[in-house]
Amino acid sequence: MTEQLLSICGLYAAVDGKEILKGVDLQINKGEVHVIMGPNGSGKSTLVNLIMGQPKYEMTAGSIAFEGEDISALKIHERARKGIFLSFQNPEEIPGITVENLIRTSQNAISGETVKIMAFKKNLQKAMDALKMDTAYASRHVNVGFSGGEKKRNEILQMMMLNPKLALLDETDSGLDVDAVRIVSAGVSRFKNAQNGVLIITHNTKILEQLQVDRVHVLMNGRIICSGDAGLVDKINSEGYSSLVSGGCKNAG
């Protein structure tokens, strides 16, 4: 029996008074990988930021439920404690806080317990090795002086260490070279299991090559106009989004 992780119904949202989302419905079960694609400005980032509870994004109608609980009124840190993680499209630099301290403090805040330092360091080393990250980065200030690719790997490192129930990846692959995309994809694959879920926003579908994608959704003008299985990615790559508008959502699975 599948267990529903995220349920979004009739979601409308605005930014600075401008309506962006115009009635989005989306359900993600445990063990599933969902992908959202669509042209720039269609509302993809707005959707994941709204799920995370970013205050800039105003939910004007609809509901967001996580594991059966309405979380629409919860703040960001409350949603994070429930197991939702957002990898930012443009990660911020945080001077004065090391990568290791950020992750360890976050683990403490989420679990409500003090993380055992030796076990933490061992797991951190393992995760950094998997992402081909120099362990020296653990003692560096978060994203300060990091390249674009290093910032994105650091986001995936945080995801692997915090082990959320739902990971929202907002164009984590943007700006990465081919080798870096493969490493990030492998990190997401390593994280993925039968008890969690992943929602990926992407334009570069190479990040999906090491993942078993369950559903693909196309978001345009604030609405999901088409959903299907992984074959929809190939259709978009070969025919573009215009084919979905002109020909409809056919053979989407």
C-alpha atoms as a PDB file:
ATOM      1  CA  MET A   1       0.000   0.000   0.000  1.00  0.00           C
ATOM      2  CA  THR A   2       1.445   3.379  -1.012  1.00  0.00           C
ATOM      3  CA  GLU A   3       1.729   6.077   1.631  1.00  0.00           C
ATOM      4  CA  GLN A   4       1.077   9.639   0.595  1.00  0.00           C
ATOM      5  CA  LEU A   5       3.865  12.024   1.508  1.00  0.00           C
ATOM      6  CA  LEU A   6       2.798  15.312  -0.056  1.00  0.00           C
ATOM      7  CA  SER A   7      -0.643  16.392  -1.213  1.00  0.00           C
ATOM      8  CA  ILE A   8      -1.210  19.766  -2.885  1.00  0.00           C
ATOM      9  CA  CYS A   9      -4.765  20.683  -3.873  1.00  0.00           C
ATOM     10  CA  GLY A  10      -5.980  23.727  -5.815  1.00  0.00           C
ATOM     11  CA  LEU A  11      -2.890  25.767  -4.996  1.00  0.00           C
ATOM     12  CA  TYR A  12      -2.867  29.430  -5.952  1.00  0.00           C
ATOM     13  CA  ALA A  13       0.045  31.694  -5.054  1.00  0.00           C
ATOM     14  CA  ALA A  14       1.267  35.235  -5.587  1.00  0.00           C
ATOM     15  CA  VAL A  15       4.558  37.106  -5.324  1.00  0.00           C
ATOM     16  CA  ASP A  16       4.442  40.844  -4.639  1.00  0.00           C
ATOM     17  CA  GLY A  17       0.757  40.816  -5.508  1.00  0.00           C
ATOM     18  CA  LYS A  18       1.240  39.070  -8.860  1.00  0.00           C
ATOM     19  CA  GLU A  19      -0.502  35.723  -9.280  1.00  0.00           C
ATOM     20  CA  ILE A  20       2.002  33.001 -10.209  1.00  0.00           C
ATOM     21  CA  LEU A  21       0.366  29.644  -9.457  1.00  0.00           C
ATOM     22  CA  LYS A  22      -3.164  29.177 -10.737  1.00  0.00           C
ATOM     23  CA  GLY A  23      -4.588  25.961  -9.329  1.00  0.00           C
ATOM     24  CA  VAL A  24      -1.850  23.331  -8.940  1.00  0.00           C
ATOM     25  CA  ASP A  25      -2.639  19.772  -7.837  1.00  0.00           C
ATOM     26  CA  LEU A  26       0.230  17.402  -7.000  1.00  0.00           C
ATOM     27  CA  GLN A  27       0.559  14.199  -4.986  1.00  0.00           C
ATOM     28  CA  ILE A  28       3.831  12.467  -4.095  1.00  0.00           C
ATOM     29  CA  ASN A  29       3.985   9.107  -2.337  1.00  0.00           C
ATOM     30  CA  LYS A  30       6.850   7.672  -0.322  1.00  0.00           C
ATOM     31  CA  GLY A  31       9.429   6.039  -2.561  1.00  0.00           C
ATOM     32  CA  GLU A  32       8.689   8.260  -5.564  1.00  0.00           C
ATOM     33  CA  VAL A  33      10.784  10.622  -7.662  1.00  0.00           C
ATOM     34  CA  HIS A  34       8.804  13.392  -9.356  1.00  0.00           C
ATOM     35  CA  VAL A  35      10.169  15.872 -11.891  1.00  0.00           C
ATOM     36  CA  ILE A  36       8.779  19.284 -12.779  1.00  0.00           C
ATOM     37  CA  MET A  37       9.782  20.835 -16.092  1.00  0.00           C
ATOM     38  CA  GLY A  38       8.612  23.905 -17.913  1.00  0.00           C
ATOM     39  CA  PRO A  39       9.722  27.192 -19.470  1.00  0.00           C
ATOM     40  CA  ASN A  40      11.355  29.898 -17.372  1.00  0.00           C
ATOM     41  CA  GLY A  41       8.853  31.968 -15.430  1.00  0.00           C
ATOM     42  CA  SER A  42       6.193  29.260 -15.336  1.00  0.00           C
ATOM     43  CA  GLY A  43       6.092  29.041 -11.523  1.00  0.00           C
ATOM     44  CA  LYS A  44       8.384  26.074 -10.789  1.00  0.00           C
ATOM     45  CA  SER A  45      10.541  27.791  -8.164  1.00  0.00           C
ATOM     46  CA  THR A  46       7.477  29.443  -6.668  1.00  0.00           C
ATOM     47  CA  LEU A  47       5.952  26.009  -6.105  1.00  0.00           C
ATOM     48  CA  VAL A  48       8.887  24.512  -4.190  1.00  0.00           C
ATOM     49  CA  ASN A  49       9.461  27.683  -2.186  1.00  0.00           C
ATOM     50  CA  LEU A  50       5.812  27.671  -1.213  1.00  0.00           C
ATOM     51  CA  ILE A  51       6.034  24.037  -0.095  1.00  0.00           C
ATOM     52  CA  MET A  52       9.028  25.030   2.064  1.00  0.00           C
ATOM     53  CA  GLY A  53       7.165  28.014   3.517  1.00  0.00           C
ATOM     54  CA  GLN A  54       9.306  30.885   2.229  1.00  0.00           C
ATOM     55  CA  PRO A  55       7.484  34.050   3.437  1.00  0.00           C
ATOM     56  CA  LYS A  56       8.024  35.936   0.154  1.00  0.00           C
ATOM     57  CA  TYR A  57       5.561  33.565  -1.524  1.00  0.00           C
ATOM     58  CA  GLU A  58       1.912  34.084  -0.564  1.00  0.00           C
ATOM     59  CA  MET A  59      -0.505  31.172  -0.749  1.00  0.00           C
ATOM     60  CA  THR A  60      -3.845  32.695  -1.746  1.00  0.00           C
ATOM     61  CA  ALA A  61      -5.931  29.503  -2.060  1.00  0.00           C
ATOM     62  CA  GLY A  62      -5.666  25.746  -1.786  1.00  0.00           C
ATOM     63  CA  SER A  63      -3.901  23.459   0.670  1.00  0.00           C
ATOM     64  CA  ILE A  64      -0.547  21.781   1.295  1.00  0.00           C
ATOM     65  CA  ALA A  65      -0.584  18.582   3.366  1.00  0.00           C
ATOM     66  CA  PHE A  66       2.496  16.645   4.466  1.00  0.00           C
ATOM     67  CA  GLU A  67       1.958  13.094   5.739  1.00  0.00           C
ATOM     68  CA  GLY A  68      -1.720  13.908   6.091  1.00  0.00           C
ATOM     69  CA  GLU A  69      -1.208  17.113   8.100  1.00  0.00           C
ATOM     70  CA  ASP A  70      -2.063  20.563   6.748  1.00  0.00           C
ATOM     71  CA  ILE A  71       1.202  22.518   6.938  1.00  0.00           C
ATOM     72  CA  SER A  72      -0.006  25.659   5.171  1.00  0.00           C
ATOM     73  CA  ALA A  73       0.389  27.807   8.294  1.00  0.00           C
ATOM     74  CA  LEU A  74       3.712  26.366   9.484  1.00  0.00           C
ATOM     75  CA  LYS A  75       6.948  28.374   9.350  1.00  0.00           C
ATOM     76  CA  ILE A  76      10.079  27.232   7.512  1.00  0.00           C
ATOM     77  CA  HIS A  77      11.836  25.739  10.545  1.00  0.00           C
ATOM     78  CA  GLU A  78       8.680  23.845  11.517  1.00  0.00           C
ATOM     79  CA  ARG A  79       8.427  22.297   8.058  1.00  0.00           C
ATOM     80  CA  ALA A  80      12.131  21.436   8.156  1.00  0.00           C
ATOM     81  CA  ARG A  81      11.632  19.621  11.465  1.00  0.00           C
ATOM     82  CA  LYS A  82       8.864  17.591   9.878  1.00  0.00           C
ATOM     83  CA  GLY A  83      11.301  16.410   7.221  1.00  0.00           C
ATOM     84  CA  ILE A  84      11.152  18.816   4.249  1.00  0.00           C
ATOM     85  CA  PHE A  85      14.410  20.002   2.663  1.00  0.00           C
ATOM     86  CA  LEU A  86      14.957  22.570  -0.092  1.00  0.00           C
ATOM     87  CA  SER A  87      18.133  22.722  -2.176  1.00  0.00           C
ATOM     88  CA  PHE A  88      18.419  26.281  -3.429  1.00  0.00           C
ATOM     89  CA  GLN A  89      18.880  27.269  -7.050  1.00  0.00           C
ATOM     90  CA  ASN A  90      21.369  29.942  -5.938  1.00  0.00           C
ATOM     91  CA  PRO A  91      22.863  28.900  -2.561  1.00  0.00           C
ATOM     92  CA  GLU A  92      23.767  31.758  -0.222  1.00  0.00           C
ATOM     93  CA  GLU A  93      27.166  32.323   1.370  1.00  0.00           C
ATOM     94  CA  ILE A  94      27.173  32.207   5.186  1.00  0.00           C
ATOM     95  CA  PRO A  95      30.370  33.775   6.552  1.00  0.00           C
ATOM     96  CA  GLY A  96      31.355  32.715  10.071  1.00  0.00           C
ATOM     97  CA  ILE A  97      29.648  29.301  10.011  1.00  0.00           C
ATOM     98  CA  THR A  98      31.489  26.209   8.812  1.00  0.00           C
ATOM     99  CA  VAL A  99      29.877  23.510   6.702  1.00  0.00           C
ATOM    100  CA  GLU A 100      30.375  20.979   9.498  1.00  0.00           C
ATOM    101  CA  ASN A 101      28.813  23.232  12.150  1.00  0.00           C
ATOM    102  CA  LEU A 102      25.849  24.078   9.948  1.00  0.00           C
ATOM    103  CA  ILE A 103      25.024  20.431   9.295  1.00  0.00           C
ATOM    104  CA  ARG A 104      25.612  19.299  12.886  1.00  0.00           C
ATOM    105  CA  THR A 105      23.516  22.161  14.314  1.00  0.00           C
ATOM    106  CA  SER A 106      20.749  21.401  11.827  1.00  0.00           C
ATOM    107  CA  GLN A 107      20.774  17.724  12.805  1.00  0.00           C
ATOM    108  CA  ASN A 108      20.502  18.702  16.475  1.00  0.00           C
ATOM    109  CA  ALA A 109      17.602  21.071  15.747  1.00  0.00           C
ATOM    110  CA  ILE A 110      15.680  18.513  13.682  1.00  0.00           C
ATOM    111  CA  SER A 111      16.148  15.536  16.007  1.00  0.00           C
ATOM    112  CA  GLY A 112      16.006  17.462  19.280  1.00  0.00           C
ATOM    113  CA  GLU A 113      18.995  15.421  20.447  1.00  0.00           C
ATOM    114  CA  THR A 114      22.724  16.079  20.602  1.00  0.00           C
ATOM    115  CA  VAL A 115      24.508  14.408  17.720  1.00  0.00           C
ATOM    116  CA  LYS A 116      27.407  12.159  18.755  1.00  0.00           C
ATOM    117  CA  ILE A 117      30.472  13.825  17.312  1.00  0.00           C
ATOM    118  CA  MET A 118      32.463  10.738  16.280  1.00  0.00           C
ATOM    119  CA  ALA A 119      29.524   9.111  14.485  1.00  0.00           C
ATOM    120  CA  PHE A 120      28.735  12.444  12.849  1.00  0.00           C
ATOM    121  CA  LYS A 121      32.278  12.905  11.538  1.00  0.00           C
ATOM    122  CA  LYS A 122      32.324   9.353  10.184  1.00  0.00           C
ATOM    123  CA  ASN A 123      29.032   9.864   8.311  1.00  0.00           C
ATOM    124  CA  LEU A 124      30.161  13.261   7.051  1.00  0.00           C
ATOM    125  CA  GLN A 125      33.373  11.771   5.687  1.00  0.00           C
ATOM    126  CA  LYS A 126      31.412   9.013   3.932  1.00  0.00           C
ATOM    127  CA  ALA A 127      29.005  11.494   2.333  1.00  0.00           C
ATOM    128  CA  MET A 128      31.802  13.811   1.209  1.00  0.00           C
ATOM    129  CA  ASP A 129      33.678  10.887  -0.320  1.00  0.00           C
ATOM    130  CA  ALA A 130      30.554   9.882  -2.252  1.00  0.00           C
ATOM    131  CA  LEU A 131      30.309  13.421  -3.644  1.00  0.00           C
ATOM    132  CA  LYS A 132      34.054  13.562  -4.353  1.00  0.00           C
ATOM    133  CA  MET A 133      34.406  16.561  -2.026  1.00  0.00           C
ATOM    134  CA  ASP A 134      37.688  17.390  -0.330  1.00  0.00           C
ATOM    135  CA  THR A 135      37.106  16.952   3.423  1.00  0.00           C
ATOM    136  CA  ALA A 136      38.826  20.318   3.964  1.00  0.00           C
ATOM    137  CA  TYR A 137      35.559  21.910   2.840  1.00  0.00           C
ATOM    138  CA  ALA A 138      33.939  20.766   6.101  1.00  0.00           C
ATOM    139  CA  SER A 139      35.922  23.393   8.005  1.00  0.00           C
ATOM    140  CA  ARG A 140      35.330  26.189   5.485  1.00  0.00           C
ATOM    141  CA  HIS A 141      32.610  28.800   5.877  1.00  0.00           C
ATOM    142  CA  VAL A 142      29.432  27.811   4.075  1.00  0.00           C
ATOM    143  CA  ASN A 143      29.769  28.515   0.338  1.00  0.00           C
ATOM    144  CA  VAL A 144      32.297  31.327   0.903  1.00  0.00           C
ATOM    145  CA  GLY A 145      34.753  31.157  -1.979  1.00  0.00           C
ATOM    146  CA  PHE A 146      33.037  28.049  -3.344  1.00  0.00           C
ATOM    147  CA  SER A 147      32.600  27.639  -7.090  1.00  0.00           C
ATOM    148  CA  GLY A 148      29.100  27.163  -8.455  1.00  0.00           C
ATOM    149  CA  GLY A 149      29.611  23.412  -8.648  1.00  0.00           C
ATOM    150  CA  GLU A 150      30.999  23.236  -5.106  1.00  0.00           C
ATOM    151  CA  LYS A 151      27.972  25.113  -3.786  1.00  0.00           C
ATOM    152  CA  LYS A 152      25.624  22.628  -5.459  1.00  0.00           C
ATOM    153  CA  ARG A 153      27.546  19.632  -4.100  1.00  0.00           C
ATOM    154  CA  ASN A 154      27.379  21.224  -0.672  1.00  0.00           C
ATOM    155  CA  GLU A 155      23.587  21.389  -0.993  1.00  0.00           C
ATOM    156  CA  ILE A 156      23.444  17.668  -1.785  1.00  0.00           C
ATOM    157  CA  LEU A 157      25.832  16.970   1.101  1.00  0.00           C
ATOM    158  CA  GLN A 158      23.415  18.708   3.466  1.00  0.00           C
ATOM    159  CA  MET A 159      20.525  16.675   2.050  1.00  0.00           C
ATOM    160  CA  MET A 160      22.384  13.382   2.493  1.00  0.00           C
ATOM    161  CA  MET A 161      23.357  14.221   6.075  1.00  0.00           C
ATOM    162  CA  LEU A 162      19.985  15.599   7.176  1.00  0.00           C
ATOM    163  CA  ASN A 163      18.122  12.709   5.503  1.00  0.00           C
ATOM    164  CA  PRO A 164      14.761  14.463   5.032  1.00  0.00           C
ATOM    165  CA  LYS A 165      11.506  12.713   4.187  1.00  0.00           C
ATOM    166  CA  LEU A 166      10.976  14.993   1.176  1.00  0.00           C
ATOM    167  CA  ALA A 167      13.795  16.635  -0.790  1.00  0.00           C
ATOM    168  CA  LEU A 168      12.949  19.567  -3.065  1.00  0.00           C
ATOM    169  CA  LEU A 169      15.735  20.208  -5.575  1.00  0.00           C
ATOM    170  CA  ASP A 170      15.385  23.524  -7.386  1.00  0.00           C
ATOM    171  CA  GLU A 171      17.646  23.328 -10.459  1.00  0.00           C
ATOM    172  CA  THR A 172      20.481  21.894  -8.383  1.00  0.00           C
ATOM    173  CA  ASP A 173      22.109  20.850 -11.652  1.00  0.00           C
ATOM    174  CA  SER A 174      22.137  24.322 -13.236  1.00  0.00           C
ATOM    175  CA  GLY A 175      25.582  25.620 -14.154  1.00  0.00           C
ATOM    176  CA  LEU A 176      27.292  22.263 -13.590  1.00  0.00           C
ATOM    177  CA  ASP A 177      29.569  20.512 -16.049  1.00  0.00           C
ATOM    178  CA  VAL A 178      28.838  16.948 -17.163  1.00  0.00           C
ATOM    179  CA  ASP A 179      31.025  15.271 -14.520  1.00  0.00           C
ATOM    180  CA  ALA A 180      29.558  17.375 -11.700  1.00  0.00           C
ATOM    181  CA  VAL A 181      26.004  16.575 -12.823  1.00  0.00           C
ATOM    182  CA  ARG A 182      26.812  12.856 -12.690  1.00  0.00           C
ATOM    183  CA  ILE A 183      28.193  13.198  -9.160  1.00  0.00           C
ATOM    184  CA  VAL A 184      25.152  15.167  -7.991  1.00  0.00           C
ATOM    185  CA  SER A 185      22.831  12.630  -9.639  1.00  0.00           C
ATOM    186  CA  ALA A 186      24.667   9.789  -7.884  1.00  0.00           C
ATOM    187  CA  GLY A 187      24.271  11.632  -4.574  1.00  0.00           C
ATOM    188  CA  VAL A 188      20.521  11.961  -5.076  1.00  0.00           C
ATOM    189  CA  SER A 189      20.331   8.286  -6.040  1.00  0.00           C
ATOM    190  CA  ARG A 190      22.260   7.343  -2.891  1.00  0.00           C
ATOM    191  CA  PHE A 191      19.827   9.371  -0.768  1.00  0.00           C
ATOM    192  CA  LYS A 192      16.674   7.989  -2.380  1.00  0.00           C
ATOM    193  CA  ASN A 193      14.893   5.091  -0.638  1.00  0.00           C
ATOM    194  CA  ALA A 194      11.440   3.573  -0.189  1.00  0.00           C
ATOM    195  CA  GLN A 195      10.574   5.841   2.736  1.00  0.00           C
ATOM    196  CA  ASN A 196      11.332   9.245   1.272  1.00  0.00           C
ATOM    197  CA  GLY A 197      10.445  11.259  -1.797  1.00  0.00           C
ATOM    198  CA  VAL A 198      12.192  13.620  -4.209  1.00  0.00           C
ATOM    199  CA  LEU A 199      10.801  16.500  -6.262  1.00  0.00           C
ATOM    200  CA  ILE A 200      13.250  17.778  -8.870  1.00  0.00           C
ATOM    201  CA  ILE A 201      12.999  20.942 -10.944  1.00  0.00           C
ATOM    202  CA  THR A 202      15.324  20.747 -13.924  1.00  0.00           C
ATOM    203  CA  HIS A 203      16.047  21.862 -17.452  1.00  0.00           C
ATOM    204  CA  ASN A 204      19.097  19.601 -17.783  1.00  0.00           C
ATOM    205  CA  THR A 205      17.699  16.070 -17.763  1.00  0.00           C
ATOM    206  CA  LYS A 206      21.138  14.478 -17.321  1.00  0.00           C
ATOM    207  CA  ILE A 207      20.581  14.653 -13.568  1.00  0.00           C
ATOM    208  CA  LEU A 208      17.810  12.087 -14.062  1.00  0.00           C
ATOM    209  CA  GLU A 209      19.994   9.462 -15.751  1.00  0.00           C
ATOM    210  CA  GLN A 210      20.875   7.652 -12.509  1.00  0.00           C
ATOM    211  CA  LEU A 211      17.379   7.933 -11.064  1.00  0.00           C
ATOM    212  CA  GLN A 212      14.197   5.968 -11.566  1.00  0.00           C
ATOM    213  CA  VAL A 213      11.676   8.701 -12.308  1.00  0.00           C
ATOM    214  CA  ASP A 214       8.069   7.900 -11.412  1.00  0.00           C
ATOM    215  CA  ARG A 215       6.210  10.970 -12.671  1.00  0.00           C
ATOM    216  CA  VAL A 216       7.009  13.996 -14.814  1.00  0.00           C
ATOM    217  CA  HIS A 217       4.887  17.155 -14.694  1.00  0.00           C
ATOM    218  CA  VAL A 218       4.983  20.100 -17.080  1.00  0.00           C
ATOM    219  CA  LEU A 219       4.209  23.447 -15.472  1.00  0.00           C
ATOM    220  CA  MET A 220       3.304  26.338 -17.767  1.00  0.00           C
ATOM    221  CA  ASN A 221       1.727  29.667 -16.896  1.00  0.00           C
ATOM    222  CA  GLY A 222       1.129  28.590 -13.319  1.00  0.00           C
ATOM    223  CA  ARG A 223      -0.675  25.350 -14.155  1.00  0.00           C
ATOM    224  CA  ILE A 224       0.354  21.726 -14.621  1.00  0.00           C
ATOM    225  CA  ILE A 225      -0.712  21.133 -18.209  1.00  0.00           C
ATOM    226  CA  CYS A 226       0.597  17.583 -18.550  1.00  0.00           C
ATOM    227  CA  SER A 227       1.775  14.686 -16.372  1.00  0.00           C
ATOM    228  CA  GLY A 228       3.237  11.365 -17.406  1.00  0.00           C
ATOM    229  CA  ASP A 229       5.873   8.738 -16.836  1.00  0.00           C
ATOM    230  CA  ALA A 230       9.584   9.094 -17.590  1.00  0.00           C
ATOM    231  CA  GLY A 231       8.855   8.874 -21.320  1.00  0.00           C
ATOM    232  CA  LEU A 232       7.508  12.410 -21.161  1.00  0.00           C
ATOM    233  CA  VAL A 233      11.093  13.655 -20.647  1.00  0.00           C
ATOM    234  CA  ASP A 234      12.123  12.168 -23.994  1.00  0.00           C
ATOM    235  CA  LYS A 235       9.109  13.739 -25.690  1.00  0.00           C
ATOM    236  CA  ILE A 236      10.016  17.163 -24.317  1.00  0.00           C
ATOM    237  CA  ASN A 237      13.668  16.773 -25.300  1.00  0.00           C
ATOM    238  CA  SER A 238      12.784  15.825 -28.856  1.00  0.00           C
ATOM    239  CA  GLU A 239       9.710  17.984 -29.506  1.00  0.00           C
ATOM    240  CA  GLY A 240       9.809  20.796 -26.943  1.00  0.00           C
ATOM    241  CA  TYR A 241       7.017  22.196 -24.795  1.00  0.00           C
ATOM    242  CA  SER A 242       5.158  23.623 -27.778  1.00  0.00           C
ATOM    243  CA  SER A 243       4.153  20.107 -28.837  1.00  0.00           C
ATOM    244  CA  LEU A 244       2.260  19.672 -25.559  1.00  0.00           C
ATOM    245  CA  VAL A 245       0.389  22.912 -26.113  1.00  0.00           C
ATOM    246  CA  SER A 246      -0.483  22.236 -29.738  1.00  0.00           C
ATOM    247  CA  GLY A 247      -0.935  18.462 -29.592  1.00  0.00           C
ATOM    248  CA  GLY A 248      -2.164  18.026 -26.052  1.00  0.00           C
ATOM    249  CA  CYS A 249      -0.866  15.645 -23.407  1.00  0.00           C
ATOM    250  CA  LYS A 250      -0.943  12.433 -25.398  1.00  0.00           C
ATOM    251  CA  ASN A 251       0.678   9.117 -24.463  1.00  0.00           C
ATOM    252  CA  ALA A 252       1.848  10.619 -21.204  1.00  0.00           C
ATOM    253  CA  GLY A 253       1.495   7.389 -19.255  1.00  0.00           C
END
